[in-house]
């Protein structure tokens, strides 16, 4: 699987382009760079382009070569069409809870049909190619991993915007995906946290430490603020707790640290582990 820049690497690449006088490049704020990154992702070949149409062409070529070479050929896939349907579903539903059964149900209609066992085989091949990452749930109170209701996240947001099939909550999905990919890029073990009344978006573990992270697009109203901070009401331990969003101003409360997404992605030291 081709590597993808995290946001810090993406900013460094843009700075290098400026120093080299690259054609079409100009100084941009962190916020402007973040908007570009959230749409086009971090594949180096895509970052080297400065026109939207060129980016689309490169993304399409990368997607096709990954599907054909890294999945179909390496795994001797008998039905490329079924693979592409499953992969499109996973990418377009990044951050959603999925299973072989619900994917098979979603993809089966009068014109096509795919069985759950076939979907599970294709899921394995797709996950091994690292086009998507499967994240397991962890029961915080019971202190054990759960072998059901996993979530799948696309490895690069450029692919998401190419293959997306959703409009509702699109930016919530984008922010959750970029936070997950950032945590993985830092070499962390990541789980979805289950509480007895809901879930925490991410449990991140590193060097024996742990922290919790809630993710939101914007804390635009009282309901959203209460939902994101209130998720921690059912977590009765002292590990550090965070809320990450795209808001221009961070508003921490009750010992829970609110981080702006641009700061979270730019500075590794902001995340503490207990």
C-alpha atoms as a PDB file:
ATOM      1  CA  UNK A   1       0.000   0.000   0.000  1.00  0.00           C
ATOM      2  CA  UNK A   2       1.307   3.470  -0.890  1.00  0.00           C
ATOM      3  CA  UNK A   3       2.180   5.642   2.089  1.00  0.00           C
ATOM      4  CA  UNK A   4       0.232   8.793   2.891  1.00  0.00           C
ATOM      5  CA  UNK A   5       1.501  11.971   4.596  1.00  0.00           C
ATOM      6  CA  UNK A   6       0.039  12.829   7.969  1.00  0.00           C
ATOM      7  CA  UNK A   7      -0.796  16.514   8.360  1.00  0.00           C
ATOM      8  CA  UNK A   8       2.587  17.513   9.812  1.00  0.00           C
ATOM      9  CA  UNK A   9       4.362  15.801   6.927  1.00  0.00           C
ATOM     10  CA  UNK A  10       1.975  17.467   4.481  1.00  0.00           C
ATOM     11  CA  UNK A  11       2.828  20.899   5.901  1.00  0.00           C
ATOM     12  CA  UNK A  12       6.543  20.103   5.715  1.00  0.00           C
ATOM     13  CA  UNK A  13       6.111  19.080   2.079  1.00  0.00           C
ATOM     14  CA  UNK A  14       4.385  22.369   1.266  1.00  0.00           C
ATOM     15  CA  UNK A  15       7.200  24.279   3.026  1.00  0.00           C
ATOM     16  CA  UNK A  16       9.762  22.358   0.974  1.00  0.00           C
ATOM     17  CA  UNK A  17       7.900  23.273  -2.209  1.00  0.00           C
ATOM     18  CA  UNK A  18       8.031  26.931  -1.219  1.00  0.00           C
ATOM     19  CA  UNK A  19      11.773  26.735  -0.585  1.00  0.00           C
ATOM     20  CA  UNK A  20      12.243  25.095  -3.984  1.00  0.00           C
ATOM     21  CA  UNK A  21      10.071  27.625  -5.771  1.00  0.00           C
ATOM     22  CA  UNK A  22       7.646  24.978  -7.032  1.00  0.00           C
ATOM     23  CA  UNK A  23       5.341  26.198  -9.776  1.00  0.00           C
ATOM     24  CA  UNK A  24       1.791  26.838  -8.575  1.00  0.00           C
ATOM     25  CA  UNK A  25       2.689  26.852  -4.878  1.00  0.00           C
ATOM     26  CA  UNK A  26       2.152  29.816  -2.563  1.00  0.00           C
ATOM     27  CA  UNK A  27       2.187  30.479   1.158  1.00  0.00           C
ATOM     28  CA  UNK A  28      -0.923  29.169   2.932  1.00  0.00           C
ATOM     29  CA  UNK A  29      -2.056  29.333   6.539  1.00  0.00           C
ATOM     30  CA  UNK A  30      -2.337  26.146   8.597  1.00  0.00           C
ATOM     31  CA  UNK A  31      -6.100  26.432   8.362  1.00  0.00           C
ATOM     32  CA  UNK A  32      -6.014  26.672   4.564  1.00  0.00           C
ATOM     33  CA  UNK A  33      -3.636  23.712   4.372  1.00  0.00           C
ATOM     34  CA  UNK A  34      -5.956  21.732   6.645  1.00  0.00           C
ATOM     35  CA  UNK A  35      -8.930  22.361   4.348  1.00  0.00           C
ATOM     36  CA  UNK A  36      -6.885  21.113   1.392  1.00  0.00           C
ATOM     37  CA  UNK A  37      -5.696  18.065   3.332  1.00  0.00           C
ATOM     38  CA  UNK A  38      -9.201  17.119   4.478  1.00  0.00           C
ATOM     39  CA  UNK A  39     -10.408  17.017   0.875  1.00  0.00           C
ATOM     40  CA  UNK A  40      -7.456  15.680  -1.104  1.00  0.00           C
ATOM     41  CA  UNK A  41      -5.639  13.610   1.520  1.00  0.00           C
ATOM     42  CA  UNK A  42      -1.917  13.040   1.842  1.00  0.00           C
ATOM     43  CA  UNK A  43      -0.727  10.763  -0.942  1.00  0.00           C
ATOM     44  CA  UNK A  44       2.574  12.350  -2.082  1.00  0.00           C
ATOM     45  CA  UNK A  45       1.724  11.992  -5.769  1.00  0.00           C
ATOM     46  CA  UNK A  46      -1.531  13.856  -5.145  1.00  0.00           C
ATOM     47  CA  UNK A  47       0.145  16.536  -3.017  1.00  0.00           C
ATOM     48  CA  UNK A  48       2.532  17.229  -5.887  1.00  0.00           C
ATOM     49  CA  UNK A  49      -0.424  18.387  -8.013  1.00  0.00           C
ATOM     50  CA  UNK A  50      -1.822  21.915  -7.791  1.00  0.00           C
ATOM     51  CA  UNK A  51      -4.920  21.627  -9.973  1.00  0.00           C
ATOM     52  CA  UNK A  52      -8.057  19.811  -8.875  1.00  0.00           C
ATOM     53  CA  UNK A  53      -8.437  17.883 -12.108  1.00  0.00           C
ATOM     54  CA  UNK A  54      -4.843  16.614 -11.893  1.00  0.00           C
ATOM     55  CA  UNK A  55      -5.471  15.501  -8.327  1.00  0.00           C
ATOM     56  CA  UNK A  56      -8.576  13.599  -9.394  1.00  0.00           C
ATOM     57  CA  UNK A  57      -6.685  11.830 -12.169  1.00  0.00           C
ATOM     58  CA  UNK A  58      -3.839  10.805  -9.851  1.00  0.00           C
ATOM     59  CA  UNK A  59      -6.263   9.586  -7.160  1.00  0.00           C
ATOM     60  CA  UNK A  60      -8.204   7.573  -9.700  1.00  0.00           C
ATOM     61  CA  UNK A  61      -4.990   5.973 -11.004  1.00  0.00           C
ATOM     62  CA  UNK A  62      -3.809   5.171  -7.475  1.00  0.00           C
ATOM     63  CA  UNK A  63      -7.161   3.645  -6.586  1.00  0.00           C
ATOM     64  CA  UNK A  64      -7.256   1.513  -9.725  1.00  0.00           C
ATOM     65  CA  UNK A  65      -3.680   0.277  -9.331  1.00  0.00           C
ATOM     66  CA  UNK A  66      -4.194  -0.567  -5.650  1.00  0.00           C
ATOM     67  CA  UNK A  67      -7.400  -2.489  -6.384  1.00  0.00           C
ATOM     68  CA  UNK A  68      -5.940  -4.343  -9.368  1.00  0.00           C
ATOM     69  CA  UNK A  69      -2.417  -4.999  -8.139  1.00  0.00           C
ATOM     70  CA  UNK A  70      -2.513  -5.170  -4.363  1.00  0.00           C
ATOM     71  CA  UNK A  71      -5.855  -6.853  -3.856  1.00  0.00           C
ATOM     72  CA  UNK A  72      -7.166  -8.634  -6.958  1.00  0.00           C
ATOM     73  CA  UNK A  73      -3.857 -10.027  -8.223  1.00  0.00           C
ATOM     74  CA  UNK A  74      -2.240 -10.766  -4.866  1.00  0.00           C
ATOM     75  CA  UNK A  75      -5.341 -12.530  -3.534  1.00  0.00           C
ATOM     76  CA  UNK A  76      -6.509 -14.143  -6.790  1.00  0.00           C
ATOM     77  CA  UNK A  77      -9.931 -12.544  -6.402  1.00  0.00           C
ATOM     78  CA  UNK A  78     -12.473 -14.443  -8.495  1.00  0.00           C
ATOM     79  CA  UNK A  79     -14.990 -11.589  -8.697  1.00  0.00           C
ATOM     80  CA  UNK A  80     -13.347  -8.164  -9.156  1.00  0.00           C
ATOM     81  CA  UNK A  81     -16.775  -6.549  -9.402  1.00  0.00           C
ATOM     82  CA  UNK A  82     -17.785  -7.824  -5.965  1.00  0.00           C
ATOM     83  CA  UNK A  83     -14.480  -6.607  -4.541  1.00  0.00           C
ATOM     84  CA  UNK A  84     -14.932  -3.131  -5.965  1.00  0.00           C
ATOM     85  CA  UNK A  85     -18.507  -2.981  -4.647  1.00  0.00           C
ATOM     86  CA  UNK A  86     -17.377  -3.934  -1.135  1.00  0.00           C
ATOM     87  CA  UNK A  87     -14.433  -1.543  -1.259  1.00  0.00           C
ATOM     88  CA  UNK A  88     -16.614   1.326  -2.479  1.00  0.00           C
ATOM     89  CA  UNK A  89     -19.054   0.616   0.345  1.00  0.00           C
ATOM     90  CA  UNK A  90     -16.290   0.637   2.983  1.00  0.00           C
ATOM     91  CA  UNK A  91     -14.646   3.799   1.698  1.00  0.00           C
ATOM     92  CA  UNK A  92     -17.922   5.662   1.269  1.00  0.00           C
ATOM     93  CA  UNK A  93     -18.987   4.663   4.797  1.00  0.00           C
ATOM     94  CA  UNK A  94     -15.698   5.335   6.566  1.00  0.00           C
ATOM     95  CA  UNK A  95     -16.176   5.475  10.370  1.00  0.00           C
ATOM     96  CA  UNK A  96     -19.414   3.462  10.235  1.00  0.00           C
ATOM     97  CA  UNK A  97     -20.039   0.242  12.136  1.00  0.00           C
ATOM     98  CA  UNK A  98     -19.912  -2.614   9.634  1.00  0.00           C
ATOM     99  CA  UNK A  99     -20.084  -6.392   9.433  1.00  0.00           C
ATOM    100  CA  UNK A 100     -19.994  -8.916   6.634  1.00  0.00           C
ATOM    101  CA  UNK A 101     -23.723  -9.467   7.050  1.00  0.00           C
ATOM    102  CA  UNK A 102     -24.782  -5.823   6.812  1.00  0.00           C
ATOM    103  CA  UNK A 103     -22.450  -5.185   3.869  1.00  0.00           C
ATOM    104  CA  UNK A 104     -23.887  -8.216   2.040  1.00  0.00           C
ATOM    105  CA  UNK A 105     -27.417  -6.982   2.755  1.00  0.00           C
ATOM    106  CA  UNK A 106     -26.618  -3.446   1.563  1.00  0.00           C
ATOM    107  CA  UNK A 107     -25.020  -4.671  -1.664  1.00  0.00           C
ATOM    108  CA  UNK A 108     -27.574  -7.336  -2.586  1.00  0.00           C
ATOM    109  CA  UNK A 109     -30.462  -6.332  -4.810  1.00  0.00           C
ATOM    110  CA  UNK A 110     -32.315  -7.728  -7.800  1.00  0.00           C
ATOM    111  CA  UNK A 111     -29.368  -7.062 -10.122  1.00  0.00           C
ATOM    112  CA  UNK A 112     -26.531  -8.311  -7.963  1.00  0.00           C
ATOM    113  CA  UNK A 113     -25.967 -10.502  -4.951  1.00  0.00           C
ATOM    114  CA  UNK A 114     -23.005 -11.182  -2.693  1.00  0.00           C
ATOM    115  CA  UNK A 115     -22.982 -13.610   0.241  1.00  0.00           C
ATOM    116  CA  UNK A 116     -21.758 -12.780   3.737  1.00  0.00           C
ATOM    117  CA  UNK A 117     -18.941 -15.415   3.590  1.00  0.00           C
ATOM    118  CA  UNK A 118     -17.718 -13.852   0.338  1.00  0.00           C
ATOM    119  CA  UNK A 119     -17.815 -10.405   1.933  1.00  0.00           C
ATOM    120  CA  UNK A 120     -15.749 -11.611   4.904  1.00  0.00           C
ATOM    121  CA  UNK A 121     -13.128 -13.031   2.520  1.00  0.00           C
ATOM    122  CA  UNK A 122     -13.026  -9.736   0.618  1.00  0.00           C
ATOM    123  CA  UNK A 123     -12.843  -7.766   3.870  1.00  0.00           C
ATOM    124  CA  UNK A 124      -9.769  -9.727   4.888  1.00  0.00           C
ATOM    125  CA  UNK A 125      -8.058  -9.010   1.568  1.00  0.00           C
ATOM    126  CA  UNK A 126      -8.962  -5.305   1.715  1.00  0.00           C
ATOM    127  CA  UNK A 127      -7.755  -4.909   5.305  1.00  0.00           C
ATOM    128  CA  UNK A 128      -4.476  -6.655   4.498  1.00  0.00           C
ATOM    129  CA  UNK A 129      -3.893  -4.086   1.743  1.00  0.00           C
ATOM    130  CA  UNK A 130      -4.335  -1.267   4.329  1.00  0.00           C
ATOM    131  CA  UNK A 131      -6.797   0.600   2.126  1.00  0.00           C
ATOM    132  CA  UNK A 132      -9.062   0.545   5.184  1.00  0.00           C
ATOM    133  CA  UNK A 133      -8.266  -0.026   8.852  1.00  0.00           C
ATOM    134  CA  UNK A 134     -10.504  -2.120  11.089  1.00  0.00           C
ATOM    135  CA  UNK A 135     -10.862  -0.785  14.643  1.00  0.00           C
ATOM    136  CA  UNK A 136     -12.232  -3.055  17.373  1.00  0.00           C
ATOM    137  CA  UNK A 137     -14.402  -2.096  20.320  1.00  0.00           C
ATOM    138  CA  UNK A 138     -13.187  -2.204  23.898  1.00  0.00           C
ATOM    139  CA  UNK A 139     -15.482  -2.521  26.911  1.00  0.00           C
ATOM    140  CA  UNK A 140     -14.121   0.130  29.282  1.00  0.00           C
ATOM    141  CA  UNK A 141     -15.950  -1.140  32.360  1.00  0.00           C
ATOM    142  CA  UNK A 142     -15.342  -4.832  31.612  1.00  0.00           C
ATOM    143  CA  UNK A 143     -11.750  -4.152  30.479  1.00  0.00           C
ATOM    144  CA  UNK A 144     -11.886  -6.467  27.494  1.00  0.00           C
ATOM    145  CA  UNK A 145     -11.883  -6.323  23.697  1.00  0.00           C
ATOM    146  CA  UNK A 146     -15.161  -7.084  21.937  1.00  0.00           C
ATOM    147  CA  UNK A 147     -15.268  -9.219  18.799  1.00  0.00           C
ATOM    148  CA  UNK A 148     -18.281  -7.480  17.223  1.00  0.00           C
ATOM    149  CA  UNK A 149     -19.439  -4.106  15.890  1.00  0.00           C
ATOM    150  CA  UNK A 150     -16.063  -3.080  14.507  1.00  0.00           C
ATOM    151  CA  UNK A 151     -15.608   0.097  12.487  1.00  0.00           C
ATOM    152  CA  UNK A 152     -13.695   0.554   9.234  1.00  0.00           C
ATOM    153  CA  UNK A 153     -11.798   3.720   8.313  1.00  0.00           C
ATOM    154  CA  UNK A 154     -10.375   4.614   4.900  1.00  0.00           C
ATOM    155  CA  UNK A 155      -6.609   5.182   4.943  1.00  0.00           C
ATOM    156  CA  UNK A 156      -6.709   8.502   3.051  1.00  0.00           C
ATOM    157  CA  UNK A 157      -9.428  11.123   2.692  1.00  0.00           C
ATOM    158  CA  UNK A 158      -8.707  11.595  -1.001  1.00  0.00           C
ATOM    159  CA  UNK A 159     -10.191   8.137  -1.567  1.00  0.00           C
ATOM    160  CA  UNK A 160     -13.208   9.024   0.569  1.00  0.00           C
ATOM    161  CA  UNK A 161     -14.074  12.095  -1.471  1.00  0.00           C
ATOM    162  CA  UNK A 162     -13.612  10.099  -4.676  1.00  0.00           C
ATOM    163  CA  UNK A 163     -15.888   7.230  -3.679  1.00  0.00           C
ATOM    164  CA  UNK A 164     -18.245   8.761  -1.110  1.00  0.00           C
ATOM    165  CA  UNK A 165     -21.926   7.905  -1.315  1.00  0.00           C
ATOM    166  CA  UNK A 166     -23.148   9.903   1.643  1.00  0.00           C
ATOM    167  CA  UNK A 167     -24.096  13.491   2.341  1.00  0.00           C
ATOM    168  CA  UNK A 168     -25.524  13.302   5.859  1.00  0.00           C
ATOM    169  CA  UNK A 169     -22.834  13.796   8.541  1.00  0.00           C
ATOM    170  CA  UNK A 170     -20.128  13.888   5.875  1.00  0.00           C
ATOM    171  CA  UNK A 171     -17.849  16.253   7.782  1.00  0.00           C
ATOM    172  CA  UNK A 172     -18.288  14.385  11.051  1.00  0.00           C
ATOM    173  CA  UNK A 173     -17.071  11.291   9.180  1.00  0.00           C
ATOM    174  CA  UNK A 174     -14.127  13.226   7.701  1.00  0.00           C
ATOM    175  CA  UNK A 175     -12.971  14.577  11.076  1.00  0.00           C
ATOM    176  CA  UNK A 176     -13.310  11.196  12.786  1.00  0.00           C
ATOM    177  CA  UNK A 177     -11.347   9.518   9.989  1.00  0.00           C
ATOM    178  CA  UNK A 178      -8.495  12.039  10.010  1.00  0.00           C
ATOM    179  CA  UNK A 179      -8.158  11.774  13.799  1.00  0.00           C
ATOM    180  CA  UNK A 180      -8.038   7.965  13.621  1.00  0.00           C
ATOM    181  CA  UNK A 181      -5.424   8.017  10.858  1.00  0.00           C
ATOM    182  CA  UNK A 182      -3.335  10.511  12.825  1.00  0.00           C
ATOM    183  CA  UNK A 183      -3.361   8.258  15.899  1.00  0.00           C
ATOM    184  CA  UNK A 184      -2.317   5.272  13.791  1.00  0.00           C
ATOM    185  CA  UNK A 185       0.464   7.319  12.166  1.00  0.00           C
ATOM    186  CA  UNK A 186       1.857   7.893  15.657  1.00  0.00           C
ATOM    187  CA  UNK A 187       2.059   4.139  16.189  1.00  0.00           C
ATOM    188  CA  UNK A 188      -0.733   3.952  18.747  1.00  0.00           C
ATOM    189  CA  UNK A 189      -3.111   1.094  19.479  1.00  0.00           C
ATOM    190  CA  UNK A 190      -6.624   2.413  18.959  1.00  0.00           C
ATOM    191  CA  UNK A 191     -10.033   1.062  19.970  1.00  0.00           C
ATOM    192  CA  UNK A 192     -13.631   2.256  20.005  1.00  0.00           C
ATOM    193  CA  UNK A 193     -14.597   2.655  23.657  1.00  0.00           C
ATOM    194  CA  UNK A 194     -17.845   1.064  24.865  1.00  0.00           C
ATOM    195  CA  UNK A 195     -19.515   2.345  28.022  1.00  0.00           C
ATOM    196  CA  UNK A 196     -22.707   1.008  29.582  1.00  0.00           C
ATOM    197  CA  UNK A 197     -24.577   4.034  28.159  1.00  0.00           C
ATOM    198  CA  UNK A 198     -22.868   4.664  24.832  1.00  0.00           C
ATOM    199  CA  UNK A 199     -19.390   4.927  23.383  1.00  0.00           C
ATOM    200  CA  UNK A 200     -16.207   6.960  23.324  1.00  0.00           C
ATOM    201  CA  UNK A 201     -14.944   7.581  19.811  1.00  0.00           C
ATOM    202  CA  UNK A 202     -11.372   6.460  20.493  1.00  0.00           C
ATOM    203  CA  UNK A 203      -9.217   4.892  23.170  1.00  0.00           C
ATOM    204  CA  UNK A 204      -5.565   5.530  22.287  1.00  0.00           C
ATOM    205  CA  UNK A 205      -2.786   3.549  23.969  1.00  0.00           C
ATOM    206  CA  UNK A 206       0.947   4.243  23.772  1.00  0.00           C
ATOM    207  CA  UNK A 207       3.888   3.019  25.876  1.00  0.00           C
ATOM    208  CA  UNK A 208       1.612   1.624  28.563  1.00  0.00           C
ATOM    209  CA  UNK A 209      -0.448   4.820  28.814  1.00  0.00           C
ATOM    210  CA  UNK A 210      -3.969   5.597  27.709  1.00  0.00           C
ATOM    211  CA  UNK A 211      -6.197   8.528  26.823  1.00  0.00           C
ATOM    212  CA  UNK A 212      -9.735   8.987  25.508  1.00  0.00           C
ATOM    213  CA  UNK A 213     -10.760  11.115  22.534  1.00  0.00           C
ATOM    214  CA  UNK A 214     -14.197  12.346  21.469  1.00  0.00           C
ATOM    215  CA  UNK A 215     -14.449  13.813  17.965  1.00  0.00           C
ATOM    216  CA  UNK A 216     -16.929  16.367  16.593  1.00  0.00           C
ATOM    217  CA  UNK A 217     -17.114  18.547  13.500  1.00  0.00           C
ATOM    218  CA  UNK A 218     -18.208  21.740  15.261  1.00  0.00           C
ATOM    219  CA  UNK A 219     -19.490  22.378  18.784  1.00  0.00           C
ATOM    220  CA  UNK A 220     -22.211  24.495  17.250  1.00  0.00           C
ATOM    221  CA  UNK A 221     -24.920  24.259  19.893  1.00  0.00           C
ATOM    222  CA  UNK A 222     -25.580  23.320  23.489  1.00  0.00           C
ATOM    223  CA  UNK A 223     -26.820  19.856  22.516  1.00  0.00           C
ATOM    224  CA  UNK A 224     -23.569  18.989  20.720  1.00  0.00           C
ATOM    225  CA  UNK A 225     -21.438  20.327  23.571  1.00  0.00           C
ATOM    226  CA  UNK A 226     -23.382  18.310  26.139  1.00  0.00           C
ATOM    227  CA  UNK A 227     -23.228  15.180  23.968  1.00  0.00           C
ATOM    228  CA  UNK A 228     -19.470  15.273  23.401  1.00  0.00           C
ATOM    229  CA  UNK A 229     -18.397  16.254  26.916  1.00  0.00           C
ATOM    230  CA  UNK A 230     -21.213  14.199  28.468  1.00  0.00           C
ATOM    231  CA  UNK A 231     -19.902  11.004  26.855  1.00  0.00           C
ATOM    232  CA  UNK A 232     -17.316  10.963  29.625  1.00  0.00           C
ATOM    233  CA  UNK A 233     -19.937  10.908  32.400  1.00  0.00           C
ATOM    234  CA  UNK A 234     -19.822   7.110  32.238  1.00  0.00           C
ATOM    235  CA  UNK A 235     -16.017   6.741  32.251  1.00  0.00           C
ATOM    236  CA  UNK A 236     -14.961   6.385  35.853  1.00  0.00           C
ATOM    237  CA  UNK A 237     -11.181   6.490  35.687  1.00  0.00           C
ATOM    238  CA  UNK A 238      -8.474   9.143  35.641  1.00  0.00           C
ATOM    239  CA  UNK A 239      -6.998   8.714  32.170  1.00  0.00           C
ATOM    240  CA  UNK A 240      -6.740  12.002  30.201  1.00  0.00           C
ATOM    241  CA  UNK A 241      -9.875  12.907  28.273  1.00  0.00           C
ATOM    242  CA  UNK A 242     -10.091  15.038  25.136  1.00  0.00           C
ATOM    243  CA  UNK A 243     -12.605  16.485  22.707  1.00  0.00           C
ATOM    244  CA  UNK A 244     -11.263  17.346  19.235  1.00  0.00           C
ATOM    245  CA  UNK A 245     -13.218  19.555  16.812  1.00  0.00           C
ATOM    246  CA  UNK A 246     -12.764  22.140  14.051  1.00  0.00           C
ATOM    247  CA  UNK A 247     -13.930  25.020  16.223  1.00  0.00           C
ATOM    248  CA  UNK A 248     -11.749  28.158  16.042  1.00  0.00           C
ATOM    249  CA  UNK A 249     -11.646  28.439  19.837  1.00  0.00           C
ATOM    250  CA  UNK A 250     -11.040  25.596  22.304  1.00  0.00           C
ATOM    251  CA  UNK A 251     -13.298  25.536  25.373  1.00  0.00           C
ATOM    252  CA  UNK A 252     -12.157  22.941  27.903  1.00  0.00           C
ATOM    253  CA  UNK A 253     -14.278  22.105  30.924  1.00  0.00           C
ATOM    254  CA  UNK A 254     -14.486  19.772  33.922  1.00  0.00           C
ATOM    255  CA  UNK A 255     -10.933  18.532  33.382  1.00  0.00           C
ATOM    256  CA  UNK A 256     -11.709  17.511  29.792  1.00  0.00           C
ATOM    257  CA  UNK A 257      -9.356  19.174  27.301  1.00  0.00           C
ATOM    258  CA  UNK A 258     -10.856  20.600  24.123  1.00  0.00           C
ATOM    259  CA  UNK A 259      -8.375  20.679  21.209  1.00  0.00           C
ATOM    260  CA  UNK A 260      -8.792  22.393  17.873  1.00  0.00           C
ATOM    261  CA  UNK A 261      -8.288  19.869  15.092  1.00  0.00           C
ATOM    262  CA  UNK A 262      -5.533  21.924  13.439  1.00  0.00           C
ATOM    263  CA  UNK A 263      -3.593  22.005  16.729  1.00  0.00           C
ATOM    264  CA  UNK A 264      -4.137  18.311  17.435  1.00  0.00           C
ATOM    265  CA  UNK A 265      -2.803  17.355  14.002  1.00  0.00           C
ATOM    266  CA  UNK A 266       0.106  19.802  14.152  1.00  0.00           C
ATOM    267  CA  UNK A 267       1.520  19.141  17.621  1.00  0.00           C
ATOM    268  CA  UNK A 268       2.032  15.605  18.971  1.00  0.00           C
ATOM    269  CA  UNK A 269       2.889  16.924  22.445  1.00  0.00           C
ATOM    270  CA  UNK A 270      -0.686  18.103  23.082  1.00  0.00           C
ATOM    271  CA  UNK A 271      -1.901  14.563  23.689  1.00  0.00           C
ATOM    272  CA  UNK A 272      -1.044  13.254  27.148  1.00  0.00           C
ATOM    273  CA  UNK A 273      -1.297   9.712  28.438  1.00  0.00           C
ATOM    274  CA  UNK A 274      -2.046   8.518  31.941  1.00  0.00           C
END
